[in-house]
Amino acid sequence: AGGAGSAVTEYLNQQNRWMPVLQLGLPDVFIDHGKHDQLLSDIGLDAKGIAASIRQRIALLP
């Protein structure tokens, strides 16, 4: 909430542009300490997780 994705969505709404937007980001919860690559993987923000999120969203489009 309140991140770059929210700003993009707000801008698109102000411009009367309606399109699907996939917002990915850090969850609003405490994230343990650890290796950067592992932490990104754990929350789905590594390359594999991002690709999976995109594929899942595309599957929902009409």
C-alpha atoms as a PDB file:
ATOM      1  CA  ALA A   1       0.000   0.000   0.000  1.00  0.00           C
ATOM      2  CA  GLY A   2       1.276   3.437  -0.900  1.00  0.00           C
ATOM      3  CA  GLY A   3       4.122   2.190  -3.086  1.00  0.00           C
ATOM      4  CA  ALA A   4       5.093   2.771  -6.692  1.00  0.00           C
ATOM      5  CA  GLY A   5       2.369   0.442  -7.984  1.00  0.00           C
ATOM      6  CA  SER A   6      -0.282   2.458  -6.159  1.00  0.00           C
ATOM      7  CA  ALA A   7       1.087   5.666  -7.664  1.00  0.00           C
ATOM      8  CA  VAL A   8       0.998   4.186 -11.181  1.00  0.00           C
ATOM      9  CA  THR A   9      -2.572   2.971 -10.696  1.00  0.00           C
ATOM     10  CA  GLU A  10      -3.628   6.367  -9.335  1.00  0.00           C
ATOM     11  CA  TYR A  11      -2.048   8.133 -12.319  1.00  0.00           C
ATOM     12  CA  LEU A  12      -3.772   5.804 -14.796  1.00  0.00           C
ATOM     13  CA  ASN A  13      -7.110   6.469 -13.100  1.00  0.00           C
ATOM     14  CA  GLN A  14      -6.546  10.234 -13.281  1.00  0.00           C
ATOM     15  CA  GLN A  15      -5.868   9.874 -17.005  1.00  0.00           C
ATOM     16  CA  ASN A  16      -9.071   7.807 -17.456  1.00  0.00           C
ATOM     17  CA  ARG A  17      -6.997   4.868 -18.665  1.00  0.00           C
ATOM     18  CA  TRP A  18      -8.408   1.509 -17.651  1.00  0.00           C
ATOM     19  CA  MET A  19      -6.087  -1.446 -17.911  1.00  0.00           C
ATOM     20  CA  PRO A  20      -5.024  -4.378 -15.774  1.00  0.00           C
ATOM     21  CA  VAL A  21      -2.070  -3.652 -13.512  1.00  0.00           C
ATOM     22  CA  LEU A  22      -0.092  -6.328 -11.723  1.00  0.00           C
ATOM     23  CA  GLN A  23       1.348  -4.911  -8.529  1.00  0.00           C
ATOM     24  CA  LEU A  24       4.201  -6.849  -6.989  1.00  0.00           C
ATOM     25  CA  GLY A  25       6.083  -5.790  -3.911  1.00  0.00           C
ATOM     26  CA  LEU A  26       7.156  -6.569  -0.410  1.00  0.00           C
ATOM     27  CA  PRO A  27       4.416  -7.830   1.887  1.00  0.00           C
ATOM     28  CA  ASP A  28       3.412  -5.628   4.805  1.00  0.00           C
ATOM     29  CA  VAL A  29       4.812  -8.076   7.346  1.00  0.00           C
ATOM     30  CA  PHE A  30       8.137  -8.612   9.096  1.00  0.00           C
ATOM     31  CA  ILE A  31      10.614 -10.423   6.866  1.00  0.00           C
ATOM     32  CA  ASP A  32      13.312 -12.446   8.601  1.00  0.00           C
ATOM     33  CA  HIS A  33      16.964 -11.713   8.071  1.00  0.00           C
ATOM     34  CA  GLY A  34      18.842 -13.860   5.622  1.00  0.00           C
ATOM     35  CA  LYS A  35      20.465 -14.024   2.239  1.00  0.00           C
ATOM     36  CA  HIS A  36      18.954 -11.559  -0.203  1.00  0.00           C
ATOM     37  CA  ASP A  37      18.329 -14.122  -2.944  1.00  0.00           C
ATOM     38  CA  GLN A  38      16.623 -16.534  -0.565  1.00  0.00           C
ATOM     39  CA  LEU A  39      14.419 -13.839   0.962  1.00  0.00           C
ATOM     40  CA  LEU A  40      13.239 -12.704  -2.492  1.00  0.00           C
ATOM     41  CA  SER A  41      12.501 -16.301  -3.421  1.00  0.00           C
ATOM     42  CA  ASP A  42      10.550 -16.834  -0.195  1.00  0.00           C
ATOM     43  CA  ILE A  43       8.169 -13.958  -1.022  1.00  0.00           C
ATOM     44  CA  GLY A  44       7.926 -14.668  -4.759  1.00  0.00           C
ATOM     45  CA  LEU A  45       9.975 -11.695  -5.919  1.00  0.00           C
ATOM     46  CA  ASP A  46      12.774 -13.602  -7.593  1.00  0.00           C
ATOM     47  CA  ALA A  47      12.717 -14.118 -11.388  1.00  0.00           C
ATOM     48  CA  LYS A  48      10.852 -17.426 -11.080  1.00  0.00           C
ATOM     49  CA  GLY A  49       8.203 -15.980  -8.751  1.00  0.00           C
ATOM     50  CA  ILE A  50       7.669 -12.862 -10.849  1.00  0.00           C
ATOM     51  CA  ALA A  51       7.302 -14.942 -14.013  1.00  0.00           C
ATOM     52  CA  ALA A  52       4.766 -17.186 -12.235  1.00  0.00           C
ATOM     53  CA  SER A  53       2.762 -14.134 -11.109  1.00  0.00           C
ATOM     54  CA  ILE A  54       2.711 -12.786 -14.670  1.00  0.00           C
ATOM     55  CA  ARG A  55       1.622 -16.135 -16.114  1.00  0.00           C
ATOM     56  CA  GLN A  56      -1.116 -16.421 -13.505  1.00  0.00           C
ATOM     57  CA  ARG A  57      -2.409 -12.915 -14.297  1.00  0.00           C
ATOM     58  CA  ILE A  58      -2.324 -13.486 -18.061  1.00  0.00           C
ATOM     59  CA  ALA A  59      -4.388 -16.643 -17.589  1.00  0.00           C
ATOM     60  CA  LEU A  60      -7.122 -14.516 -15.955  1.00  0.00           C
ATOM     61  CA  LEU A  61      -7.371 -12.003 -18.816  1.00  0.00           C
ATOM     62  CA  PRO A  62     -10.366 -12.299 -21.124  1.00  0.00           C
END
